[in-house]
Amino acid sequence: MSQFLSMLLMVVAVVLTVCFGVAAWRLSDGTDITGQIPQQLYDKSKSNN
């Protein structure tokens, strides 16, 4: 029984990871979304100093 639950948990984790990955890829519109700094937040932090 515990092996079944662990397999079920692993499958659910993989499915959720794939779903969120596809959603992020579609929202990014094909651009690279890694390591980008939002320009508005960067400008606000510069003007506060």
N, C-alpha and C. Protein backbone atom coordinates (compact mmCIF):
# COMPACT_ATOMS: atom_id res chain seq x y z
N MET A 1 0.82 -1.21 0.00
CA MET A 1 0.00 0.00 0.00
C MET A 1 0.86 1.26 0.00
N SER A 2 1.92 1.27 0.76
CA SER A 2 2.76 2.46 0.81
C SER A 2 3.48 2.67 -0.52
N GLN A 3 3.80 1.58 -1.22
CA GLN A 3 4.44 1.72 -2.53
C GLN A 3 3.47 2.36 -3.52
N PHE A 4 2.21 1.98 -3.44
CA PHE A 4 1.20 2.58 -4.32
C PHE A 4 1.07 4.08 -4.04
N LEU A 5 1.04 4.45 -2.77
CA LEU A 5 0.91 5.87 -2.42
C LEU A 5 2.13 6.67 -2.86
N SER A 6 3.31 6.10 -2.70
CA SER A 6 4.51 6.82 -3.11
C SER A 6 4.56 6.99 -4.63
N MET A 7 4.13 5.97 -5.38
CA MET A 7 4.07 6.08 -6.83
C MET A 7 3.02 7.12 -7.26
N LEU A 8 1.88 7.12 -6.56
CA LEU A 8 0.84 8.09 -6.87
C LEU A 8 1.33 9.51 -6.61
N LEU A 9 2.03 9.71 -5.50
CA LEU A 9 2.57 11.02 -5.17
C LEU A 9 3.59 11.47 -6.21
N MET A 10 4.42 10.55 -6.65
CA MET A 10 5.43 10.89 -7.65
C MET A 10 4.79 11.26 -8.98
N VAL A 11 3.77 10.52 -9.38
CA VAL A 11 3.07 10.83 -10.63
C VAL A 11 2.38 12.18 -10.55
N VAL A 12 1.75 12.48 -9.42
CA VAL A 12 1.10 13.78 -9.25
C VAL A 12 2.12 14.90 -9.30
N ALA A 13 3.28 14.70 -8.69
CA ALA A 13 4.32 15.74 -8.70
C ALA A 13 4.81 15.99 -10.12
N VAL A 14 5.00 14.92 -10.89
CA VAL A 14 5.48 15.08 -12.27
C VAL A 14 4.43 15.77 -13.12
N VAL A 15 3.16 15.40 -12.96
CA VAL A 15 2.09 16.02 -13.74
C VAL A 15 1.98 17.51 -13.42
N LEU A 16 2.04 17.86 -12.13
CA LEU A 16 1.97 19.27 -11.77
C LEU A 16 3.17 20.05 -12.30
N THR A 17 4.35 19.45 -12.25
CA THR A 17 5.53 20.13 -12.76
C THR A 17 5.40 20.39 -14.25
N VAL A 18 4.92 19.40 -14.99
CA VAL A 18 4.74 19.57 -16.43
C VAL A 18 3.69 20.63 -16.72
N CYS A 19 2.59 20.60 -15.98
CA CYS A 19 1.53 21.59 -16.23
C CYS A 19 2.01 23.01 -15.96
N PHE A 20 2.70 23.22 -14.83
CA PHE A 20 3.20 24.56 -14.53
C PHE A 20 4.30 24.97 -15.52
N GLY A 21 5.10 24.02 -15.96
CA GLY A 21 6.14 24.34 -16.94
C GLY A 21 5.54 24.78 -18.26
N VAL A 22 4.52 24.06 -18.72
CA VAL A 22 3.86 24.43 -19.98
C VAL A 22 3.16 25.77 -19.84
N ALA A 23 2.52 26.01 -18.70
CA ALA A 23 1.84 27.29 -18.49
C ALA A 23 2.84 28.44 -18.50
N ALA A 24 3.96 28.28 -17.83
CA ALA A 24 4.98 29.34 -17.81
C ALA A 24 5.57 29.56 -19.19
N TRP A 25 5.75 28.47 -19.94
CA TRP A 25 6.30 28.59 -21.29
C TRP A 25 5.33 29.33 -22.21
N ARG A 26 4.04 29.04 -22.07
CA ARG A 26 3.04 29.71 -22.91
C ARG A 26 2.89 31.18 -22.51
N LEU A 27 2.95 31.48 -21.20
CA LEU A 27 2.83 32.86 -20.75
C LEU A 27 4.05 33.69 -21.15
N SER A 28 5.20 33.04 -21.25
CA SER A 28 6.41 33.79 -21.58
C SER A 28 6.46 34.16 -23.05
N ASP A 29 5.57 33.58 -23.87
CA ASP A 29 5.47 33.90 -25.30
C ASP A 29 6.77 33.59 -26.03
N GLY A 30 7.44 32.51 -25.62
CA GLY A 30 8.62 32.05 -26.32
C GLY A 30 9.90 32.76 -25.94
N THR A 31 9.84 33.75 -25.07
CA THR A 31 11.06 34.44 -24.67
C THR A 31 11.69 33.74 -23.48
N ASP A 32 12.93 34.04 -23.23
CA ASP A 32 13.63 33.44 -22.10
C ASP A 32 13.21 34.13 -20.82
N ILE A 33 12.63 33.37 -19.88
CA ILE A 33 12.09 33.97 -18.66
C ILE A 33 13.04 33.83 -17.49
N THR A 34 14.20 33.25 -17.70
CA THR A 34 15.12 33.02 -16.59
C THR A 34 16.03 34.22 -16.41
N GLY A 35 16.20 34.67 -15.18
CA GLY A 35 17.17 35.70 -14.86
C GLY A 35 16.80 37.09 -15.29
N GLN A 36 15.54 37.34 -15.56
CA GLN A 36 15.14 38.69 -15.95
C GLN A 36 14.72 39.50 -14.73
N ILE A 37 15.15 40.76 -14.69
CA ILE A 37 14.76 41.66 -13.61
C ILE A 37 13.66 42.57 -14.15
N PRO A 38 12.52 42.63 -13.48
CA PRO A 38 11.47 43.57 -13.94
C PRO A 38 11.99 45.00 -13.93
N GLN A 39 11.83 45.69 -15.03
CA GLN A 39 12.43 47.01 -15.19
C GLN A 39 11.81 48.01 -14.22
N GLN A 40 10.51 47.92 -13.97
CA GLN A 40 9.87 48.88 -13.08
C GLN A 40 10.39 48.75 -11.65
N LEU A 41 10.55 47.53 -11.17
CA LEU A 41 11.05 47.34 -9.81
C LEU A 41 12.49 47.83 -9.71
N TYR A 42 13.28 47.61 -10.75
CA TYR A 42 14.67 48.05 -10.74
C TYR A 42 14.74 49.58 -10.70
N ASP A 43 13.89 50.24 -11.49
CA ASP A 43 13.89 51.69 -11.49
C ASP A 43 13.44 52.27 -10.15
N LYS A 44 12.45 51.65 -9.52
CA LYS A 44 11.97 52.13 -8.23
C LYS A 44 13.06 52.00 -7.15
N SER A 45 13.79 50.89 -7.19
CA SER A 45 14.82 50.70 -6.19
C SER A 45 15.98 51.67 -6.39
N LYS A 46 16.25 52.04 -7.63
CA LYS A 46 17.31 53.02 -7.90
C LYS A 46 16.89 54.41 -7.43
N SER A 47 15.61 54.78 -7.64
CA SER A 47 15.18 56.13 -7.28
C SER A 47 15.04 56.31 -5.78
N ASN A 48 14.86 55.23 -5.03
CA ASN A 48 14.73 55.35 -3.57
C ASN A 48 16.06 55.62 -2.89
N ASN A 49 17.15 55.24 -3.52
CA ASN A 49 18.46 55.39 -2.84
C ASN A 49 18.98 56.78 -2.98
